[in-house]
């Protein structure tokens, strides 16, 4: 039987390539089940099926202009030099109808969006008519269907209006509402629990004192989880007590668990051994700086055959950030039906300084952008969180790369939207 120390050291003796970890994440981050939600609450959610319109929009011929509804052929030959006279027989506004038929030589005052009455097939713009008592002089002929929004002009019945897999935008849910859809079927959001471990940690908002430090990882991870489409069910601040962490891991009903801290090879690092005991520790230790102690595994859930994903994130905040961004966020986006790619803008810039990298290791390099040039801030410094606040962007070196030369053009990811 392997010892706890063996499990903790295994990944550090032969670290798992990052590409292998990414492949495992993709394999185990399958799309979640669907749920029906109110259309008005669906912005940002991902469709699980094509949306087919049950109606035409508009479902009646309506005016696209303020003016006069009339029979277009009756206006032929009219001009400013030869105006034709039409009698105004009434008025119609949006939401109303005019039930009588309009005959040649008659016109109906109509506002934009008003339904065209029987006997009319065009709208004369108000600017092209001169009002004289209860009549108008038509100063310009109009063609049939001029300034008319026809039935189905916007959306046709049985037309596919939105495709499966689309992340709904505000204008998309407006379209869904326009065809009368009260509810829509979307991918369920992945539920996440955070276990913030460490005897030295105080909760956010408490005052650091003596050898205690304030937890910053939960504060940082919570908005990132929301950004990536997850629902943060709970944050648990736990001391380094093995059985307490075991209890929380077993009882969690989340789709994904992040354990921050306790992921390395020290005597208080219980995460790797517990994941191995409760399920399968797939990865522990990767060639990436910072974030080397990152781990990934599966543990049995409360439902038979259900496995919960567990990410072991380093306690040092920069390591935690890079590990979350590179791995956890990707898993959440995949489960939620989103693109696995980073939600950061990219930019090509020239390096103001040389950046060195050890072959066989990925470096998470923080950069300051100034006058279209990138200045090195840090590659290491796993605990120096301020290196990320000073940075405008980051780049990642390849495992096969020795780095980049000064003046070389590189692709960076921008922290700001």
Protein backbone atom coordinates (compact mmCIF):
# COMPACT_ATOMS: atom_id res chain seq x y z
CA UNK A 1 0.00 0.00 0.00
CA UNK A 2 1.40 3.42 -0.93
CA UNK A 3 1.98 5.90 1.86
CA UNK A 4 0.50 9.40 2.03
CA UNK A 5 3.94 10.85 1.43
CA UNK A 6 4.29 8.71 -1.69
CA UNK A 7 1.09 10.17 -3.14
CA UNK A 8 2.14 13.73 -2.39
CA UNK A 9 5.59 13.28 -3.88
CA UNK A 10 4.53 11.26 -6.92
CA UNK A 11 3.63 14.24 -9.10
CA UNK A 12 6.70 16.17 -8.09
CA UNK A 13 9.07 13.40 -9.06
CA UNK A 14 7.56 13.25 -12.54
CA UNK A 15 5.30 16.21 -13.23
CA UNK A 16 2.33 15.85 -15.55
CA UNK A 17 2.64 17.90 -18.76
CA UNK A 18 0.19 20.78 -18.91
CA UNK A 19 -1.21 19.50 -22.21
CA UNK A 20 -2.07 16.21 -20.50
CA UNK A 21 -3.88 18.02 -17.70
CA UNK A 22 -5.82 20.10 -20.22
CA UNK A 23 -6.83 16.93 -22.04
CA UNK A 24 -8.05 15.34 -18.80
CA UNK A 25 -10.04 18.46 -17.94
CA UNK A 26 -11.73 18.37 -21.32
CA UNK A 27 -12.50 14.67 -20.94
CA UNK A 28 -14.14 15.10 -17.53
CA UNK A 29 -15.85 18.48 -18.01
CA UNK A 30 -18.83 17.32 -19.98
CA UNK A 31 -21.80 19.55 -20.73
CA UNK A 32 -24.24 19.75 -17.83
CA UNK A 33 -27.95 18.99 -18.04
CA UNK A 34 -30.59 21.48 -19.20
CA UNK A 35 -33.01 23.58 -17.20
CA UNK A 36 -35.95 25.83 -18.08
CA UNK A 37 -35.66 29.43 -16.94
CA UNK A 38 -37.60 32.63 -17.55
CA UNK A 39 -36.62 34.32 -20.79
CA UNK A 40 -36.23 37.67 -19.02
CA UNK A 41 -33.50 36.08 -16.86
CA UNK A 42 -31.67 34.28 -19.68
CA UNK A 43 -29.06 36.85 -20.71
CA UNK A 44 -25.64 35.20 -20.69
CA UNK A 45 -27.04 31.67 -20.56
CA UNK A 46 -26.33 29.01 -23.19
CA UNK A 47 -29.07 27.45 -25.33
CA UNK A 48 -29.35 23.66 -25.41
CA UNK A 49 -31.57 23.54 -28.49
CA UNK A 50 -32.41 25.52 -31.61
CA UNK A 51 -35.17 28.08 -31.14
CA UNK A 52 -37.90 27.90 -33.81
CA UNK A 53 -40.30 30.83 -33.99
CA UNK A 54 -43.94 29.83 -33.38
CA UNK A 55 -45.21 33.05 -35.01
CA UNK A 56 -44.56 35.66 -37.66
CA UNK A 57 -43.13 38.98 -36.53
CA UNK A 58 -44.91 41.16 -37.33
CA UNK A 59 -48.05 39.06 -37.67
CA UNK A 60 -49.85 41.83 -39.59
CA UNK A 61 -48.89 44.35 -42.27
CA UNK A 62 -47.96 47.58 -40.49
CA UNK A 63 -46.79 51.06 -41.30
CA UNK A 64 -43.06 51.75 -41.23
CA UNK A 65 -43.64 55.52 -41.32
CA UNK A 66 -45.90 58.26 -40.03
CA UNK A 67 -48.08 59.24 -42.97
CA UNK A 68 -51.15 58.10 -44.89
CA UNK A 69 -52.25 54.55 -45.75
CA UNK A 70 -53.79 54.34 -49.22
CA UNK A 71 -54.00 52.38 -52.46
CA UNK A 72 -50.62 52.88 -54.21
CA UNK A 73 -52.02 52.64 -57.76
CA UNK A 74 -54.33 55.58 -57.03
CA UNK A 75 -51.30 57.83 -56.60
CA UNK A 76 -49.73 57.08 -59.97
CA UNK A 77 -49.24 60.26 -62.01
CA UNK A 78 -49.24 62.59 -59.02
CA UNK A 79 -46.43 65.11 -58.56
CA UNK A 80 -45.78 68.56 -57.14
CA UNK A 81 -46.93 69.94 -60.51
CA UNK A 82 -49.91 67.63 -60.75
CA UNK A 83 -51.06 66.82 -57.20
CA UNK A 84 -53.95 64.41 -56.68
CA UNK A 85 -56.52 64.96 -53.91
CA UNK A 86 -57.37 62.21 -51.38
CA UNK A 87 -60.04 62.43 -48.69
CA UNK A 88 -58.92 61.59 -45.14
CA UNK A 89 -61.46 59.14 -43.73
CA UNK A 90 -59.95 58.48 -40.30
CA UNK A 91 -56.89 57.69 -38.23
CA UNK A 92 -55.20 54.60 -36.84
CA UNK A 93 -52.43 54.31 -34.22
CA UNK A 94 -50.37 51.33 -32.97
CA UNK A 95 -52.49 48.89 -31.03
CA UNK A 96 -55.70 49.97 -32.77
CA UNK A 97 -57.49 48.76 -35.90
CA UNK A 98 -59.55 50.52 -38.55
CA UNK A 99 -62.23 48.11 -39.66
CA UNK A 100 -63.72 49.91 -42.67
CA UNK A 101 -62.28 49.38 -46.14
CA UNK A 102 -60.33 52.23 -47.74
CA UNK A 103 -61.37 52.98 -51.34
CA UNK A 104 -59.37 54.62 -54.18
CA UNK A 105 -59.22 58.36 -53.60
CA UNK A 106 -59.33 57.88 -49.82
CA UNK A 107 -56.50 57.91 -47.27
CA UNK A 108 -56.14 56.99 -43.62
CA UNK A 109 -53.87 58.93 -41.30
CA UNK A 110 -51.51 56.32 -39.79
CA UNK A 111 -48.63 56.27 -37.32
CA UNK A 112 -45.53 54.08 -37.38
CA UNK A 113 -46.51 50.58 -36.27
CA UNK A 114 -50.18 51.03 -37.04
CA UNK A 115 -51.86 48.14 -38.90
CA UNK A 116 -52.76 48.73 -42.55
CA UNK A 117 -56.52 48.57 -43.13
CA UNK A 118 -58.23 46.68 -45.93
CA UNK A 119 -57.95 48.40 -49.30
CA UNK A 120 -54.49 49.88 -48.67
CA UNK A 121 -51.09 48.58 -49.75
CA UNK A 122 -48.68 51.50 -49.18
CA UNK A 123 -47.93 54.42 -46.89
CA UNK A 124 -47.37 57.91 -48.20
CA UNK A 125 -44.86 59.81 -46.05
CA UNK A 126 -46.36 62.85 -44.35
CA UNK A 127 -43.66 65.02 -45.97
CA UNK A 128 -45.01 64.13 -49.43
CA UNK A 129 -48.54 65.31 -48.72
CA UNK A 130 -50.08 68.72 -48.07
CA UNK A 131 -53.01 68.80 -45.67
CA UNK A 132 -55.96 70.92 -46.82
CA UNK A 133 -58.94 70.62 -44.49
CA UNK A 134 -60.10 67.01 -44.51
CA UNK A 135 -58.09 66.23 -47.65
CA UNK A 136 -54.47 65.84 -48.68
CA UNK A 137 -52.69 66.77 -51.85
CA UNK A 138 -50.45 63.87 -52.87
CA UNK A 139 -47.22 65.45 -54.14
CA UNK A 140 -45.43 62.20 -55.05
CA UNK A 141 -46.58 58.80 -56.24
CA UNK A 142 -45.78 55.75 -54.09
CA UNK A 143 -45.22 52.17 -55.21
CA UNK A 144 -47.09 49.18 -53.76
CA UNK A 145 -45.75 48.06 -50.34
CA UNK A 146 -43.77 51.31 -49.95
CA UNK A 147 -43.07 52.00 -46.26
CA UNK A 148 -44.90 48.84 -45.22
CA UNK A 149 -43.53 46.19 -42.86
CA UNK A 150 -44.98 42.98 -44.24
CA UNK A 151 -46.07 39.94 -42.24
CA UNK A 152 -42.94 37.98 -41.23
CA UNK A 153 -40.56 40.74 -42.37
CA UNK A 154 -38.62 40.51 -39.10
CA UNK A 155 -39.13 36.83 -38.25
CA UNK A 156 -41.00 34.15 -40.16
CA UNK A 157 -42.99 31.41 -38.49
CA UNK A 158 -41.04 28.09 -38.23
CA UNK A 159 -37.76 29.95 -38.87
CA UNK A 160 -34.75 29.00 -36.71
CA UNK A 161 -33.96 32.27 -34.97
CA UNK A 162 -31.23 31.16 -32.54
CA UNK A 163 -28.97 28.12 -32.66
CA UNK A 164 -28.06 25.60 -29.99
CA UNK A 165 -24.92 26.57 -28.07
CA UNK A 166 -25.48 30.31 -28.36
CA UNK A 167 -24.67 32.43 -25.34
CA UNK A 168 -27.69 34.68 -25.16
CA UNK A 169 -27.20 38.44 -25.43
CA UNK A 170 -29.71 41.09 -24.34
CA UNK A 171 -30.94 41.50 -27.92
CA UNK A 172 -31.38 37.72 -28.18
CA UNK A 173 -33.72 37.54 -25.20
CA UNK A 174 -35.59 40.50 -26.69
CA UNK A 175 -36.17 38.44 -29.85
CA UNK A 176 -37.32 35.48 -27.76
CA UNK A 177 -39.76 37.73 -25.96
CA UNK A 178 -41.03 39.14 -29.27
CA UNK A 179 -42.11 35.65 -30.40
CA UNK A 180 -43.88 35.02 -27.10
CA UNK A 181 -41.42 32.66 -25.41
CA UNK A 182 -41.93 32.92 -21.66
CA UNK A 183 -39.30 30.30 -20.85
CA UNK A 184 -36.20 28.97 -22.58
CA UNK A 185 -34.14 25.80 -22.13
CA UNK A 186 -30.50 26.50 -21.23
CA UNK A 187 -27.47 24.65 -19.88
CA UNK A 188 -27.47 24.45 -16.12
CA UNK A 189 -24.79 26.55 -14.43
CA UNK A 190 -22.03 24.50 -12.75
CA UNK A 191 -22.13 24.75 -8.96
CA UNK A 192 -18.85 25.39 -7.15
CA UNK A 193 -17.66 25.20 -3.56
CA UNK A 194 -14.44 26.75 -2.30
CA UNK A 195 -12.45 25.19 0.52
CA UNK A 196 -9.91 27.74 1.75
CA UNK A 197 -7.50 25.86 4.01
CA UNK A 198 -4.78 26.98 6.36
CA UNK A 199 -4.29 27.48 10.11
CA UNK A 200 -2.68 30.84 9.36
CA UNK A 201 -5.67 32.32 7.56
CA UNK A 202 -8.20 34.88 8.74
CA UNK A 203 -11.45 35.51 6.93
CA UNK A 204 -11.71 38.51 4.57
CA UNK A 205 -12.48 41.68 6.51
CA UNK A 206 -10.63 40.58 9.64
CA UNK A 207 -7.49 42.38 10.74
CA UNK A 208 -4.15 40.64 10.26
CA UNK A 209 -2.32 40.17 13.54
CA UNK A 210 0.89 38.45 14.59
CA UNK A 211 1.64 35.54 12.26
CA UNK A 212 -1.86 35.38 10.83
CA UNK A 213 -2.68 36.58 7.28
CA UNK A 214 -5.99 37.48 5.66
CA UNK A 215 -7.38 35.16 2.99
CA UNK A 216 -7.39 36.87 -0.40
CA UNK A 217 -7.94 33.80 -2.59
CA UNK A 218 -11.69 33.50 -1.96
CA UNK A 219 -12.17 37.20 -2.72
CA UNK A 220 -10.28 36.76 -6.01
CA UNK A 221 -11.87 33.46 -7.05
CA UNK A 222 -15.51 34.38 -6.41
CA UNK A 223 -15.84 36.91 -9.27
CA UNK A 224 -13.77 34.70 -11.58
CA UNK A 225 -16.17 31.80 -10.99
CA UNK A 226 -19.10 34.10 -11.79
CA UNK A 227 -17.31 35.34 -14.92
CA UNK A 228 -16.89 31.76 -16.14
CA UNK A 229 -20.57 30.93 -15.67
CA UNK A 230 -20.34 29.13 -12.34
CA UNK A 231 -22.53 29.50 -9.26
CA UNK A 232 -20.56 29.78 -6.04
CA UNK A 233 -22.60 27.76 -3.53
CA UNK A 234 -20.39 28.24 -0.51
CA UNK A 235 -16.98 29.29 0.77
CA UNK A 236 -15.60 27.24 3.65
CA UNK A 237 -12.60 28.48 5.63
CA UNK A 238 -11.03 25.37 7.12
CA UNK A 239 -8.06 24.77 9.40
CA UNK A 240 -5.50 22.18 8.35
CA UNK A 241 -7.44 19.29 9.89
CA UNK A 242 -7.48 16.19 7.77
CA UNK A 243 -10.78 14.72 8.91
CA UNK A 244 -12.60 18.03 8.67
CA UNK A 245 -11.48 18.44 5.05
CA UNK A 246 -12.46 14.82 4.35
CA UNK A 247 -15.95 15.49 5.76
CA UNK A 248 -16.45 18.57 3.57
CA UNK A 249 -15.18 16.82 0.45
CA UNK A 250 -17.52 13.87 0.96
CA UNK A 251 -20.59 15.96 1.81
CA UNK A 252 -20.25 18.54 -0.96
CA UNK A 253 -22.96 18.39 -3.61
CA UNK A 254 -21.17 20.79 -5.95
CA UNK A 255 -20.20 19.88 -9.51
CA UNK A 256 -16.71 21.23 -8.90
CA UNK A 257 -14.67 21.84 -5.77
CA UNK A 258 -11.65 24.11 -5.46
CA UNK A 259 -9.32 23.45 -2.55
CA UNK A 260 -7.00 26.40 -1.99
CA UNK A 261 -3.90 25.56 0.04
CA UNK A 262 -2.82 22.20 1.42
CA UNK A 263 -1.91 20.97 -2.05
CA UNK A 264 1.85 20.53 -1.86
CA UNK A 265 4.02 17.98 -0.04
CA UNK A 266 4.11 19.29 3.53
CA UNK A 267 2.77 17.50 6.60
CA UNK A 268 -0.33 19.73 6.60
CA UNK A 269 -1.02 19.25 2.88
CA UNK A 270 -3.93 16.81 3.06
CA UNK A 271 -5.62 17.60 -0.26
CA UNK A 272 -3.76 15.16 -2.55
CA UNK A 273 -4.03 12.16 -0.26
CA UNK A 274 -7.71 12.73 0.48
CA UNK A 275 -8.63 13.02 -3.19
CA UNK A 276 -6.71 9.79 -3.83
CA UNK A 277 -8.56 8.03 -1.01
CA UNK A 278 -12.03 9.33 -1.93
CA UNK A 279 -11.68 8.82 -5.66
CA UNK A 280 -8.79 9.23 -8.07
CA UNK A 281 -5.98 11.76 -8.05
CA UNK A 282 -5.33 12.19 -11.77
CA UNK A 283 -2.71 14.93 -11.61
CA UNK A 284 -0.56 16.40 -8.87
CA UNK A 285 2.33 18.58 -9.85
CA UNK A 286 2.78 20.34 -13.20
CA UNK A 287 5.75 22.04 -14.92
CA UNK A 288 4.39 25.57 -14.53
CA UNK A 289 5.66 28.55 -12.56
CA UNK A 290 3.90 29.67 -10.50
CA UNK A 291 1.29 26.92 -9.93
CA UNK A 292 3.54 23.83 -9.74
CA UNK A 293 1.55 22.14 -6.89
CA UNK A 294 -1.71 22.22 -8.88
CA UNK A 295 -3.71 19.01 -8.77
CA UNK A 296 -6.83 17.56 -10.35
CA UNK A 297 -8.92 14.56 -9.45
CA UNK A 298 -12.33 12.99 -9.14
CA UNK A 299 -14.20 11.92 -6.02
CA UNK A 300 -17.45 10.02 -5.69
CA UNK A 301 -20.62 12.09 -5.37
CA UNK A 302 -23.81 11.39 -3.46
CA UNK A 303 -25.54 10.13 -6.64
CA UNK A 304 -24.44 6.68 -7.80
CA UNK A 305 -21.97 6.92 -10.67
CA UNK A 306 -21.59 10.68 -10.23
CA UNK A 307 -18.05 12.03 -9.86
CA UNK A 308 -17.21 15.46 -8.50
CA UNK A 309 -14.26 17.32 -9.97
CA UNK A 310 -11.70 18.57 -7.47
CA UNK A 311 -9.02 21.10 -8.30
CA UNK A 312 -6.16 21.50 -5.87
CA UNK A 313 -5.01 25.10 -6.11
CA UNK A 314 -1.83 26.41 -4.49
CA UNK A 315 -2.38 28.67 -1.50
CA UNK A 316 -0.03 31.38 -2.73
CA UNK A 317 -2.31 33.92 -4.46
CA UNK A 318 -0.47 34.34 -7.79
CA UNK A 319 -0.18 30.57 -8.13
CA UNK A 320 -3.85 30.29 -7.23
CA UNK A 321 -4.80 32.88 -9.87
CA UNK A 322 -2.77 31.31 -12.67
CA UNK A 323 -3.95 27.78 -11.82
CA UNK A 324 -7.59 28.85 -11.67
CA UNK A 325 -7.37 30.80 -14.91
CA UNK A 326 -5.52 28.12 -16.83
CA UNK A 327 -7.48 25.11 -15.60
CA UNK A 328 -10.56 25.65 -13.42
CA UNK A 329 -12.12 28.41 -15.52
CA UNK A 330 -11.73 26.21 -18.58
CA UNK A 331 -13.56 23.35 -16.86
CA UNK A 332 -16.44 25.61 -15.79
CA UNK A 333 -16.84 27.05 -19.27
CA UNK A 334 -16.91 23.59 -20.84
CA UNK A 335 -19.52 22.32 -18.38
CA UNK A 336 -21.64 25.40 -19.02
CA UNK A 337 -21.50 25.07 -22.81
CA UNK A 338 -19.18 28.03 -23.37
CA UNK A 339 -15.95 28.30 -25.31
CA UNK A 340 -13.04 26.82 -23.40
CA UNK A 341 -10.81 29.69 -24.56
CA UNK A 342 -9.81 32.46 -22.19
CA UNK A 343 -12.28 35.36 -21.95
CA UNK A 344 -9.42 37.85 -22.36
CA UNK A 345 -8.63 40.11 -25.28
CA UNK A 346 -5.31 39.44 -26.96
CA UNK A 347 -2.80 41.91 -28.29
CA UNK A 348 0.53 41.72 -30.07
CA UNK A 349 3.27 43.87 -28.53
CA UNK A 350 7.04 44.07 -28.62
CA UNK A 351 9.05 43.12 -25.57
CA UNK A 352 11.06 45.89 -23.97
CA UNK A 353 13.21 43.33 -22.16
CA UNK A 354 14.39 39.75 -22.61
CA UNK A 355 12.32 37.04 -20.93
CA UNK A 356 14.08 33.82 -19.99
CA UNK A 357 12.36 30.49 -19.45
CA UNK A 358 13.53 27.05 -18.44
CA UNK A 359 12.93 24.37 -21.07
CA UNK A 360 10.30 21.93 -19.85
CA UNK A 361 8.40 24.56 -17.84
CA UNK A 362 5.66 27.09 -18.60
CA UNK A 363 6.16 30.56 -17.16
CA UNK A 364 3.20 32.79 -16.25
CA UNK A 365 4.79 36.17 -16.94
CA UNK A 366 3.19 39.43 -15.79
CA UNK A 367 3.76 42.49 -17.96
CA UNK A 368 3.19 46.24 -17.98
CA UNK A 369 2.18 47.72 -21.35
CA UNK A 370 3.46 51.18 -22.15
CA UNK A 371 3.58 52.80 -25.61
CA UNK A 372 2.84 49.46 -27.28
CA UNK A 373 5.80 47.82 -25.55
CA UNK A 374 5.70 45.17 -22.84
CA UNK A 375 7.85 45.52 -19.73
CA UNK A 376 8.64 42.53 -17.54
CA UNK A 377 7.26 42.63 -13.98
CA UNK A 378 7.57 39.07 -12.71
CA UNK A 379 7.53 35.39 -13.64
CA UNK A 380 8.03 33.87 -10.20
CA UNK A 381 6.86 35.46 -6.97
CA UNK A 382 3.98 33.10 -6.21
CA UNK A 383 3.00 35.07 -3.11
CA UNK A 384 3.45 38.59 -4.56
CA UNK A 385 -0.15 39.37 -5.48
CA UNK A 386 0.69 43.01 -6.18
CA UNK A 387 2.60 41.82 -9.28
CA UNK A 388 -0.80 41.10 -10.86
CA UNK A 389 -2.31 44.46 -9.90
CA UNK A 390 0.68 46.27 -11.39
CA UNK A 391 0.35 44.21 -14.58
CA UNK A 392 -1.72 45.10 -17.62
CA UNK A 393 -1.25 41.73 -19.28
CA UNK A 394 0.36 38.32 -19.04
CA UNK A 395 1.93 35.85 -21.40
CA UNK A 396 2.78 32.18 -21.19
CA UNK A 397 5.97 30.62 -22.42
CA UNK A 398 5.96 27.21 -24.09
CA UNK A 399 7.43 24.18 -22.36
CA UNK A 400 9.83 23.82 -25.31
CA UNK A 401 10.89 27.49 -25.22
CA UNK A 402 13.89 29.18 -23.62
CA UNK A 403 11.99 32.47 -23.63
CA UNK A 404 11.83 35.56 -25.80
CA UNK A 405 14.38 38.07 -26.99
CA UNK A 406 14.18 41.80 -26.40
CA UNK A 407 12.24 43.43 -29.24
CA UNK A 408 10.45 40.20 -30.18
CA UNK A 409 6.74 40.53 -30.95
CA UNK A 410 4.63 38.38 -28.63
CA UNK A 411 0.96 37.66 -28.07
CA UNK A 412 -0.27 38.74 -24.64
CA UNK A 413 -3.59 38.49 -22.83
CA UNK A 414 -4.97 41.69 -21.36
CA UNK A 415 -6.38 41.57 -17.83
CA UNK A 416 -8.82 44.42 -18.46
CA UNK A 417 -11.90 43.95 -20.59
